[in-house]
C-alpha atoms as a PDB file:
ATOM      1  CA  MET A   1      10.275 -18.028  55.431  1.00  0.00           C
ATOM      2  CA  ARG A   2      13.556 -16.928  53.956  1.00  0.00           C
ATOM      3  CA  TYR A   3      14.474 -17.572  50.319  1.00  0.00           C
ATOM      4  CA  LEU A   4      17.849 -16.963  48.701  1.00  0.00           C
ATOM      5  CA  ILE A   5      17.015 -15.426  45.339  1.00  0.00           C
ATOM      6  CA  GLU A   6      20.317 -14.374  43.820  1.00  0.00           C
ATOM      7  CA  VAL A   7      24.014 -13.947  44.590  1.00  0.00           C
ATOM      8  CA  THR A   8      26.857 -12.133  42.867  1.00  0.00           C
ATOM      9  CA  GLU A   9      30.254 -13.770  43.155  1.00  0.00           C
ATOM     10  CA  ASN A  10      33.521 -12.036  42.277  1.00  0.00           C
ATOM     11  CA  TYR A  11      36.646 -14.095  41.609  1.00  0.00           C
ATOM     12  CA  ARG A  12      40.241 -13.347  40.787  1.00  0.00           C
ATOM     13  CA  VAL A  13      42.024 -15.818  38.487  1.00  0.00           C
ATOM     14  CA  ASP A  14      45.492 -15.773  36.980  1.00  0.00           C
ATOM     15  CA  ASN A  15      44.723 -16.028  33.276  1.00  0.00           C
ATOM     16  CA  GLU A  16      42.056 -16.009  30.589  1.00  0.00           C
ATOM     17  CA  ALA A  17      41.908 -19.813  30.369  1.00  0.00           C
ATOM     18  CA  GLU A  18      41.073 -20.060  34.086  1.00  0.00           C
ATOM     19  CA  ALA A  19      38.402 -17.373  33.659  1.00  0.00           C
ATOM     20  CA  LYS A  20      36.752 -19.321  30.818  1.00  0.00           C
ATOM     21  CA  THR A  21      36.920 -22.568  32.803  1.00  0.00           C
ATOM     22  CA  LEU A  22      35.343 -20.935  35.854  1.00  0.00           C
ATOM     23  CA  ILE A  23      32.479 -19.544  33.756  1.00  0.00           C
ATOM     24  CA  GLU A  24      31.865 -22.893  32.033  1.00  0.00           C
ATOM     25  CA  GLU A  25      31.872 -24.746  35.373  1.00  0.00           C
ATOM     26  CA  ALA A  26      29.347 -22.259  36.747  1.00  0.00           C
ATOM     27  CA  LYS A  27      27.094 -22.719  33.710  1.00  0.00           C
ATOM     28  CA  ALA A  28      27.157 -26.474  34.297  1.00  0.00           C
ATOM     29  CA  GLY A  29      25.925 -26.098  37.900  1.00  0.00           C
ATOM     30  CA  ASN A  30      22.539 -27.643  38.599  1.00  0.00           C
ATOM     31  CA  ASN A  31      21.474 -25.739  41.761  1.00  0.00           C
ATOM     32  CA  TYR A  32      21.167 -22.360  40.054  1.00  0.00           C
ATOM     33  CA  ILE A  33      20.968 -20.495  36.748  1.00  0.00           C
ATOM     34  CA  VAL A  34      23.803 -18.186  35.714  1.00  0.00           C
ATOM     35  CA  LYS A  35      21.947 -14.979  34.827  1.00  0.00           C
ATOM     36  CA  LYS A  36      25.028 -12.919  33.950  1.00  0.00           C
ATOM     37  CA  TYR A  37      28.748 -13.384  33.776  1.00  0.00           C
ATOM     38  CA  SER A  38      31.753 -11.341  32.747  1.00  0.00           C
ATOM     39  CA  SER A  39      35.514 -11.432  32.834  1.00  0.00           C
ATOM     40  CA  GLN A  40      37.804  -8.438  32.743  1.00  0.00           C
ATOM     41  CA  TYR A  41      41.575  -8.161  32.461  1.00  0.00           C
ATOM     42  CA  LYS A  42      43.082  -6.087  35.271  1.00  0.00           C
ATOM     43  CA  GLU A  43      46.557  -4.694  35.925  1.00  0.00           C
ATOM     44  CA  ARG A  44      48.277  -3.082  38.867  1.00  0.00           C
ATOM     45  CA  LYS A  45      50.962  -0.617  37.876  1.00  0.00           C
ATOM     46  CA  GLN A  46      53.744   0.914  39.885  1.00  0.00           C
ATOM     47  CA  LYS A  47      55.768   3.784  38.416  1.00  0.00           C
ATOM     48  CA  GLY A  48      54.363   3.040  34.984  1.00  0.00           C
ATOM     49  CA  GLU A  49      55.289  -0.653  35.028  1.00  0.00           C
ATOM     50  CA  VAL A  50      52.857  -3.535  35.314  1.00  0.00           C
ATOM     51  CA  VAL A  51      53.652  -5.328  38.586  1.00  0.00           C
ATOM     52  CA  ASP A  52      50.607  -7.593  38.716  1.00  0.00           C
ATOM     53  CA  ALA A  53      47.975  -8.812  36.232  1.00  0.00           C
ATOM     54  CA  TRP A  54      44.856 -10.955  36.624  1.00  0.00           C
ATOM     55  CA  TYR A  55      41.311 -11.517  35.437  1.00  0.00           C
ATOM     56  CA  LYS A  56      38.255 -10.545  37.470  1.00  0.00           C
ATOM     57  CA  VAL A  57      35.307 -12.879  36.906  1.00  0.00           C
ATOM     58  CA  VAL A  58      31.814 -11.865  38.002  1.00  0.00           C
ATOM     59  CA  LEU A  59      29.028 -14.466  38.188  1.00  0.00           C
ATOM     60  CA  VAL A  60      25.396 -13.668  38.986  1.00  0.00           C
ATOM     61  CA  LYS A  61      23.610 -16.840  40.082  1.00  0.00           C
ATOM     62  CA  SER A  62      19.831 -17.070  40.423  1.00  0.00           C
ATOM     63  CA  PHE A  63      18.387 -19.722  42.738  1.00  0.00           C
ATOM     64  CA  THR A  64      14.639 -19.122  42.686  1.00  0.00           C
ATOM     65  CA  SER A  65      12.033 -16.625  41.514  1.00  0.00           C
ATOM     66  CA  GLU A  66      11.429 -13.592  43.703  1.00  0.00           C
ATOM     67  CA  LYS A  67       7.694 -13.572  42.905  1.00  0.00           C
ATOM     68  CA  GLU A  68       7.140 -17.310  43.238  1.00  0.00           C
ATOM     69  CA  PRO A  69       9.952 -18.875  45.271  1.00  0.00           C
ATOM     70  CA  ASP A  70       9.965 -22.640  45.073  1.00  0.00           C
ATOM     71  CA  ALA A  71      13.211 -23.634  46.793  1.00  0.00           C
ATOM     72  CA  GLN A  72      14.997 -22.812  49.998  1.00  0.00           C
ATOM     73  CA  ILE A  73      18.733 -22.665  49.469  1.00  0.00           C
ATOM     74  CA  GLU A  74      21.447 -22.081  52.031  1.00  0.00           C
ATOM     75  CA  ILE A  75      25.050 -21.456  51.090  1.00  0.00           C
ATOM     76  CA  GLU A  76      27.929 -22.046  53.435  1.00  0.00           C
ATOM     77  CA  TYR A  77      31.201 -20.382  52.476  1.00  0.00           C
ATOM     78  CA  LYS A  78      34.365 -22.190  53.495  1.00  0.00           C
ATOM     79  CA  GLU A  79      37.931 -21.390  52.630  1.00  0.00           C
ATOM     80  CA  GLY A  80      38.827 -23.264  49.473  1.00  0.00           C
ATOM     81  CA  SER A  81      35.206 -24.060  48.544  1.00  0.00           C
ATOM     82  CA  ALA A  82      32.234 -22.133  47.218  1.00  0.00           C
ATOM     83  CA  PHE A  83      29.713 -24.419  48.965  1.00  0.00           C
END
């Protein structure tokens, strides 16, 4: 048997409000538990000037216990959708 225990998802969003919304939506999910999450402001500079800025959001989702797995989960990644 094969059990999906945990995944780490990394997202790029345009602003802090989107980062907070993404984290709150993940917390509301019912197929997993959000073990950890973080958001970090990032910039790309060119010749000392900021040419791009975004937030990186990291979500660690737990699906079942490693020692006592009780669910078989499969995730299918499609463009535009996480599941």
